[in-house]
Amino acid sequence: MLNRYTTKLNLFLFTLLFILYLCFGAYVFSFVEQPTEQMVINEMAKTRKDFLGKYPCVQEDDFESFIVTLLDANKHGVDARTNFTTVDNWSFAQSFFFAVTVVTTIGYGHVSPLSDTGRIICIIYAIIGVPMTLLLLTIIVRKLLILLNSTYIWFRVRFSSDTRSESKIRFVHLSIILIFSLIFLFIIPSIVFTYLEENWSFIDAFYFCFISLTTIGLGDIVAGDSPTQRNRLFYKICLTVYLLVGVTIMMLVVAMISLIPELRLIQFFLSEQEVENEQERLSTSEKSGLLWLPRSVSIHSYGSRNVPVGQPYRRQINETDNTATMTTETSKS
């Protein structure tokens, strides 16, 4: 059992570790990317100098203004290399893709509202759409967890003879799901994107899949943005379906990991007294502000308690324990 001082110390050390991790990431990115950035800058400066030398009739200020116009158009997804009328950024398919990226918080930046009215509508749309999406995905994840419970029971009956090996069965079951998720959400789509996108390598495609499904959404690489893309309408629809399914599966995997007792690291940052105070404040078990902690389980026994056989990935709620207790007392009387 951890006291409040120990949990505060753990939180301080973890926060310090997190800050050091951010600083380490900043140093690594700076070290890796600065040489490439300088190379691009030198190449761009040489190209600019060669162009102005080849066409002395072009004034440097006019050339600068032209470049700014091109960059501003490109920021909004308009490709200056072709007729801008063929880009069709706000067709229904592209708009539907944009709506999906907004409500799933991926938020690609190539296509964004240009008018003030569109930006206000986007804010209102996201305020309503993001909670709706999270609710829908949460419901779907709960349903899928029930299915995974059945597969876990099959694993346990088939390969486990005692409760001591239950932890191993849980990790094997989770590992299989992670492998299938890696194959069908990242590797196979990356191969497909490498084939469909002209200038993408496998690393580019895998990077796009990871950045998209983790909802980081940097927007530096976006599939189907080329105006010359074949079957662009159908491509965007398939891409939208891929994002919705992929984000759902990612939420499922995160939920599974968070519900495995051996992986619940939150127990090192909350004392038993803090958990009890929080539980007393809550009116019902389903309104728990600490979703990773069942109301009926104390912090000192949380990491070692075995999950029931039929519910390895399901949060136990107080109502279930109360019902079981009442049933036992009734049978005794």
Protein backbone atom coordinates (compact mmCIF):
# COMPACT_ATOMS: atom_id res chain seq x y z
CA MET A 1 0.00 0.00 0.00
CA LEU A 2 1.39 3.39 -1.02
CA ASN A 3 1.03 6.43 1.18
CA ARG A 4 0.37 9.95 -0.05
CA TYR A 5 4.01 11.04 0.25
CA THR A 6 5.19 8.14 -1.91
CA THR A 7 2.59 8.79 -4.60
CA LYS A 8 3.48 12.50 -4.71
CA LEU A 9 7.13 11.61 -5.05
CA ASN A 10 6.30 9.16 -7.84
CA LEU A 11 4.27 11.83 -9.62
CA PHE A 12 7.09 14.36 -9.29
CA LEU A 13 9.65 11.90 -10.65
CA PHE A 14 7.36 10.89 -13.51
CA THR A 15 6.72 14.56 -14.39
CA LEU A 16 10.46 15.19 -14.35
CA LEU A 17 10.99 12.14 -16.56
CA PHE A 18 8.31 13.43 -18.96
CA ILE A 19 9.99 16.85 -19.23
CA LEU A 20 13.37 15.21 -19.83
CA TYR A 21 11.76 13.04 -22.50
CA LEU A 22 10.40 16.15 -24.25
CA CYS A 23 13.83 17.82 -24.11
CA PHE A 24 15.45 14.65 -25.43
CA GLY A 25 12.94 14.53 -28.29
CA ALA A 26 13.57 18.18 -29.12
CA TYR A 27 17.34 17.57 -29.24
CA VAL A 28 17.02 14.45 -31.40
CA PHE A 29 14.65 16.08 -33.89
CA SER A 30 16.84 19.15 -34.06
CA PHE A 31 19.99 17.08 -34.56
CA VAL A 32 18.44 14.90 -37.27
CA GLU A 33 16.40 17.48 -39.18
CA GLN A 34 18.67 20.56 -39.19
CA PRO A 35 21.15 19.22 -41.79
CA THR A 36 18.33 18.27 -44.15
CA GLU A 37 16.64 21.61 -43.59
CA GLN A 38 19.88 23.48 -44.36
CA MET A 39 20.33 21.42 -47.51
CA VAL A 40 16.84 22.38 -48.70
CA ILE A 41 17.50 26.04 -47.87
CA ASN A 42 20.75 26.04 -49.87
CA GLU A 43 19.09 24.30 -52.81
CA MET A 44 16.19 26.76 -52.75
CA ALA A 45 18.55 29.75 -52.59
CA LYS A 46 20.51 28.39 -55.56
CA THR A 47 17.33 27.78 -57.57
CA ARG A 48 16.09 31.29 -56.81
CA LYS A 49 19.42 32.84 -57.80
CA ASP A 50 19.59 30.82 -61.03
CA PHE A 51 16.03 31.78 -61.98
CA LEU A 52 16.59 35.52 -61.43
CA GLY A 53 19.87 35.30 -63.32
CA LYS A 54 18.21 33.52 -66.24
CA TYR A 55 15.31 36.00 -66.40
CA PRO A 56 16.74 39.42 -65.48
CA CYS A 57 13.55 41.09 -66.62
CA VAL A 58 11.73 39.71 -63.56
CA GLN A 59 11.99 42.03 -60.58
CA GLU A 60 12.92 40.42 -57.30
CA ASP A 61 9.97 42.03 -55.47
CA ASP A 62 7.53 40.74 -58.08
CA PHE A 63 9.07 37.28 -57.86
CA GLU A 64 8.77 37.38 -54.05
CA SER A 65 5.10 38.36 -54.27
CA PHE A 66 4.47 35.52 -56.73
CA ILE A 67 6.07 32.97 -54.39
CA VAL A 68 3.98 34.19 -51.44
CA THR A 69 0.82 33.79 -53.52
CA LEU A 70 1.77 30.23 -54.49
CA LEU A 71 2.58 29.28 -50.91
CA ASP A 72 -0.71 30.70 -49.64
CA ALA A 73 -2.64 28.76 -52.28
CA ASN A 74 -0.76 25.56 -51.50
CA LYS A 75 -1.55 25.97 -47.79
CA HIS A 76 -5.23 25.67 -48.71
CA GLY A 77 -4.67 22.64 -50.92
CA VAL A 78 -4.58 24.38 -54.31
CA ASP A 79 -1.89 22.96 -56.55
CA ALA A 80 -0.41 25.68 -58.78
CA ARG A 81 1.13 23.13 -61.14
CA THR A 82 -2.25 22.37 -62.71
CA ASN A 83 -5.49 24.14 -63.46
CA PHE A 84 -6.83 25.06 -60.01
CA THR A 85 -10.40 24.23 -61.11
CA THR A 86 -9.48 20.52 -61.20
CA VAL A 87 -8.48 20.36 -57.54
CA ASP A 88 -12.08 20.41 -56.30
CA ASN A 89 -11.15 20.55 -52.62
CA TRP A 90 -14.71 21.12 -51.46
CA SER A 91 -16.48 18.38 -53.37
CA PHE A 92 -18.79 16.22 -51.29
CA ALA A 93 -16.24 13.41 -50.98
CA GLN A 94 -13.45 15.76 -49.91
CA SER A 95 -15.80 17.64 -47.56
CA PHE A 96 -16.92 14.37 -46.01
CA PHE A 97 -13.27 13.42 -45.49
CA PHE A 98 -12.68 16.82 -43.88
CA ALA A 99 -15.68 16.32 -41.57
CA VAL A 100 -14.33 12.94 -40.46
CA THR A 101 -10.88 14.35 -39.70
CA VAL A 102 -12.49 17.11 -37.63
CA VAL A 103 -14.73 14.92 -35.44
CA THR A 104 -12.01 12.29 -34.96
CA THR A 105 -9.55 15.08 -33.96
CA ILE A 106 -7.07 14.05 -36.67
CA GLY A 107 -7.33 17.53 -38.18
CA TYR A 108 -5.33 17.56 -41.39
CA GLY A 109 -4.42 21.08 -42.48
CA HIS A 110 -4.30 20.87 -46.28
CA VAL A 111 -8.02 21.51 -46.62
CA SER A 112 -9.37 24.03 -44.14
CA PRO A 113 -12.15 26.63 -44.09
CA LEU A 114 -11.21 29.81 -45.94
CA SER A 115 -14.03 32.12 -44.83
CA ASP A 116 -14.81 33.40 -41.35
CA THR A 117 -18.27 31.87 -41.62
CA GLY A 118 -16.76 28.48 -42.45
CA ARG A 119 -14.39 28.68 -39.48
CA ILE A 120 -17.22 29.53 -37.08
CA ILE A 121 -19.28 26.65 -38.46
CA CYS A 122 -16.24 24.37 -38.08
CA ILE A 123 -15.95 25.31 -34.39
CA ILE A 124 -19.64 24.64 -33.72
CA TYR A 125 -19.53 21.44 -35.77
CA ALA A 126 -16.53 20.15 -33.80
CA ILE A 127 -18.07 21.04 -30.42
CA ILE A 128 -21.04 18.81 -31.24
CA GLY A 129 -19.31 16.23 -33.43
CA VAL A 130 -16.28 15.34 -31.29
CA PRO A 131 -18.34 14.20 -28.24
CA MET A 132 -20.72 12.33 -30.54
CA THR A 133 -17.80 10.55 -32.18
CA LEU A 134 -16.18 9.66 -28.86
CA LEU A 135 -19.50 8.32 -27.55
CA LEU A 136 -20.10 6.24 -30.67
CA LEU A 137 -16.57 4.85 -30.70
CA THR A 138 -16.75 4.09 -26.97
CA ILE A 139 -19.96 2.12 -27.47
CA ILE A 140 -18.44 0.18 -30.35
CA VAL A 141 -15.32 -0.53 -28.28
CA ARG A 142 -17.46 -1.85 -25.40
CA LYS A 143 -19.27 -4.17 -27.82
CA LEU A 144 -15.98 -5.41 -29.24
CA LEU A 145 -14.63 -6.02 -25.74
CA ILE A 146 -17.50 -8.43 -25.15
CA LEU A 147 -16.43 -10.36 -28.25
CA LEU A 148 -12.82 -10.37 -27.07
CA ASN A 149 -13.97 -11.76 -23.73
CA SER A 150 -15.30 -14.80 -25.56
CA THR A 151 -12.01 -15.35 -27.38
CA TYR A 152 -10.14 -14.95 -24.10
CA ILE A 153 -12.31 -17.63 -22.45
CA TRP A 154 -11.52 -19.97 -25.34
CA PHE A 155 -7.80 -19.30 -24.86
CA ARG A 156 -8.00 -19.90 -21.13
CA VAL A 157 -9.96 -23.13 -21.42
CA ARG A 158 -7.72 -24.42 -24.18
CA PHE A 159 -4.28 -23.48 -22.87
CA SER A 160 -4.58 -22.79 -19.13
CA SER A 161 -4.98 -25.38 -16.40
CA ASP A 162 -4.73 -23.13 -13.34
CA THR A 163 -5.26 -19.51 -12.37
CA ARG A 164 -1.51 -18.88 -11.96
CA SER A 165 -1.05 -18.90 -15.73
CA GLU A 166 -3.92 -16.45 -16.29
CA SER A 167 -1.56 -13.47 -16.63
CA LYS A 168 0.40 -15.26 -19.36
CA ILE A 169 -2.81 -16.05 -21.21
CA ARG A 170 -3.85 -12.40 -21.04
CA PHE A 171 -0.54 -11.24 -22.50
CA VAL A 172 -0.59 -13.88 -25.24
CA HIS A 173 -4.14 -12.91 -26.13
CA LEU A 174 -3.21 -9.22 -26.21
CA SER A 175 -0.06 -9.91 -28.25
CA ILE A 176 -2.04 -11.74 -30.92
CA ILE A 177 -4.49 -8.84 -31.20
CA LEU A 178 -1.60 -6.35 -31.41
CA ILE A 179 0.04 -8.37 -34.18
CA PHE A 180 -3.19 -8.54 -36.18
CA SER A 181 -3.73 -4.80 -35.66
CA LEU A 182 -0.19 -4.06 -36.85
CA ILE A 183 -0.66 -6.16 -39.97
CA PHE A 184 -4.15 -5.01 -41.00
CA LEU A 185 -3.99 -1.38 -39.87
CA PHE A 186 -0.41 -0.48 -40.73
CA ILE A 187 1.55 -2.92 -42.88
CA ILE A 188 -1.09 -3.89 -45.47
CA PRO A 189 -2.47 -0.31 -45.84
CA SER A 190 1.12 0.98 -46.16
CA ILE A 191 1.72 -1.41 -49.06
CA VAL A 192 -1.53 -0.28 -50.69
CA PHE A 193 -0.71 3.41 -50.25
CA THR A 194 2.78 2.84 -51.66
CA TYR A 195 1.17 1.42 -54.80
CA LEU A 196 -1.55 4.09 -55.13
CA GLU A 197 0.51 7.17 -54.29
CA GLU A 198 3.08 7.98 -56.96
CA ASN A 199 5.77 9.60 -54.82
CA TRP A 200 5.37 7.65 -51.59
CA SER A 201 7.86 5.18 -50.21
CA PHE A 202 6.84 2.49 -47.73
CA ILE A 203 8.18 4.64 -44.89
CA ASP A 204 6.02 7.56 -46.07
CA ALA A 205 2.95 5.34 -46.18
CA PHE A 206 3.62 3.77 -42.78
CA TYR A 207 4.26 7.23 -41.34
CA PHE A 208 0.91 8.44 -42.73
CA CYS A 209 -0.94 5.46 -41.23
CA PHE A 210 0.62 5.94 -37.81
CA ILE A 211 0.16 9.72 -37.68
CA SER A 212 -3.45 9.34 -38.82
CA LEU A 213 -4.63 6.49 -36.59
CA THR A 214 -3.00 7.95 -33.50
CA THR A 215 -4.90 11.20 -34.31
CA ILE A 216 -1.67 13.22 -34.31
CA GLY A 217 -2.60 14.49 -37.76
CA LEU A 218 0.38 16.63 -38.76
CA GLY A 219 -0.98 16.99 -42.28
CA ASP A 220 2.43 17.01 -43.99
CA ILE A 221 1.50 13.85 -45.91
CA VAL A 222 -2.12 13.28 -46.92
CA ALA A 223 -3.36 10.50 -49.17
CA GLY A 224 -5.43 11.35 -52.24
CA ASP A 225 -4.50 15.04 -52.33
CA SER A 226 -3.02 14.98 -55.81
CA PRO A 227 -5.37 16.52 -58.42
CA THR A 228 -4.32 13.79 -60.86
CA GLN A 229 -5.26 10.98 -58.46
CA ARG A 230 -7.18 8.24 -60.22
CA ASN A 231 -10.71 7.54 -58.96
CA ARG A 232 -10.27 10.29 -56.39
CA LEU A 233 -13.91 10.18 -55.22
CA PHE A 234 -13.83 6.43 -54.49
CA TYR A 235 -10.33 6.75 -53.04
CA LYS A 236 -11.45 9.41 -50.53
CA ILE A 237 -14.47 7.34 -49.48
CA CYS A 238 -12.27 4.27 -48.85
CA LEU A 239 -9.77 6.45 -46.98
CA THR A 240 -12.56 7.79 -44.77
CA VAL A 241 -13.72 4.27 -43.93
CA TYR A 242 -10.12 3.27 -43.16
CA LEU A 243 -9.71 6.17 -40.74
CA LEU A 244 -12.97 5.43 -38.90
CA VAL A 245 -12.24 1.72 -38.56
CA GLY A 246 -8.60 2.32 -37.69
CA VAL A 247 -9.29 4.87 -34.96
CA THR A 248 -11.89 2.51 -33.47
CA ILE A 249 -9.44 -0.39 -33.38
CA MET A 250 -6.79 1.84 -31.83
CA MET A 251 -9.23 2.84 -29.09
CA LEU A 252 -10.00 -0.84 -28.56
CA VAL A 253 -6.33 -1.70 -28.16
CA VAL A 254 -5.80 1.17 -25.72
CA ALA A 255 -8.85 0.06 -23.71
CA MET A 256 -7.57 -3.51 -23.57
CA ILE A 257 -4.13 -2.43 -22.37
CA SER A 258 -5.57 -0.12 -19.72
CA LEU A 259 -7.83 -2.86 -18.35
CA ILE A 260 -5.13 -5.47 -17.84
CA PRO A 261 -4.30 -5.49 -14.10
CA GLU A 262 -0.56 -5.97 -14.59
CA LEU A 263 -0.36 -2.84 -16.78
CA ARG A 264 -2.31 -0.44 -14.55
CA LEU A 265 0.51 1.90 -13.57
CA ILE A 266 -1.89 4.46 -12.13
CA GLN A 267 -1.68 2.65 -8.79
CA PHE A 268 1.78 4.14 -8.25
CA PHE A 269 0.45 7.71 -8.36
CA LEU A 270 -2.73 7.56 -6.25
CA SER A 271 -2.79 6.77 -2.56
CA GLU A 272 -5.53 4.67 -1.01
CA GLN A 273 -6.89 7.70 0.84
CA GLU A 274 -7.18 9.71 -2.38
CA VAL A 275 -9.06 6.88 -4.07
CA GLU A 276 -11.44 6.50 -1.13
CA ASN A 277 -12.14 10.25 -1.03
CA GLU A 278 -12.88 10.25 -4.73
CA GLN A 279 -15.19 7.28 -4.40
CA GLU A 280 -17.13 8.94 -1.59
CA ARG A 281 -17.65 12.01 -3.73
CA LEU A 282 -19.21 10.03 -6.55
CA SER A 283 -22.93 9.35 -6.46
CA THR A 284 -22.91 6.17 -8.54
CA SER A 285 -20.24 3.76 -9.71
CA GLU A 286 -20.87 4.44 -13.40
CA LYS A 287 -20.06 8.13 -12.91
CA SER A 288 -16.56 7.27 -11.74
CA GLY A 289 -14.04 9.96 -12.50
CA LEU A 290 -11.27 7.36 -12.27
CA LEU A 291 -12.23 4.92 -14.98
CA TRP A 292 -9.14 2.81 -14.40
CA LEU A 293 -10.02 2.12 -10.77
CA PRO A 294 -13.09 0.05 -9.80
CA ARG A 295 -14.87 1.40 -6.75
CA SER A 296 -14.84 -1.97 -5.08
CA VAL A 297 -11.07 -2.51 -5.32
CA SER A 298 -8.56 -0.88 -2.99
CA ILE A 299 -5.28 0.43 -4.29
CA HIS A 300 -3.07 -1.98 -2.33
CA SER A 301 -4.70 -5.09 -3.83
CA TYR A 302 -5.32 -3.70 -7.27
CA GLY A 303 -2.22 -4.88 -9.04
CA SER A 304 -2.37 -8.43 -7.74
CA ARG A 305 -6.07 -9.13 -8.01
CA ASN A 306 -7.00 -11.62 -10.74
CA VAL A 307 -9.63 -10.58 -13.21
CA PRO A 308 -12.63 -12.94 -13.37
CA VAL A 309 -12.36 -15.61 -16.01
CA GLY A 310 -15.15 -14.31 -18.21
CA GLN A 311 -14.22 -10.63 -17.91
CA PRO A 312 -10.50 -10.06 -18.56
CA TYR A 313 -11.08 -6.79 -20.41
CA ARG A 314 -14.10 -5.42 -18.58
CA ARG A 315 -14.08 -2.93 -15.75
CA GLN A 316 -15.77 -4.36 -12.67
CA ILE A 317 -18.34 -1.98 -11.18
CA ASN A 318 -19.63 -1.70 -7.68
CA GLU A 319 -23.12 -2.72 -8.64
CA THR A 320 -21.92 -6.17 -9.65
CA ASP A 321 -20.16 -6.67 -6.33
CA ASN A 322 -23.18 -5.39 -4.40
CA THR A 323 -25.48 -7.74 -6.29
CA ALA A 324 -23.20 -10.68 -5.54
CA THR A 325 -23.04 -9.75 -1.84
CA MET A 326 -26.82 -9.42 -1.56
CA THR A 327 -27.29 -12.77 -3.27
CA THR A 328 -24.87 -14.46 -0.86
CA GLU A 329 -26.56 -12.95 2.22
CA THR A 330 -29.98 -14.00 0.92
CA SER A 331 -28.85 -17.57 0.37
CA LYS A 332 -27.37 -17.74 3.88
CA SER A 333 -30.56 -16.46 5.50
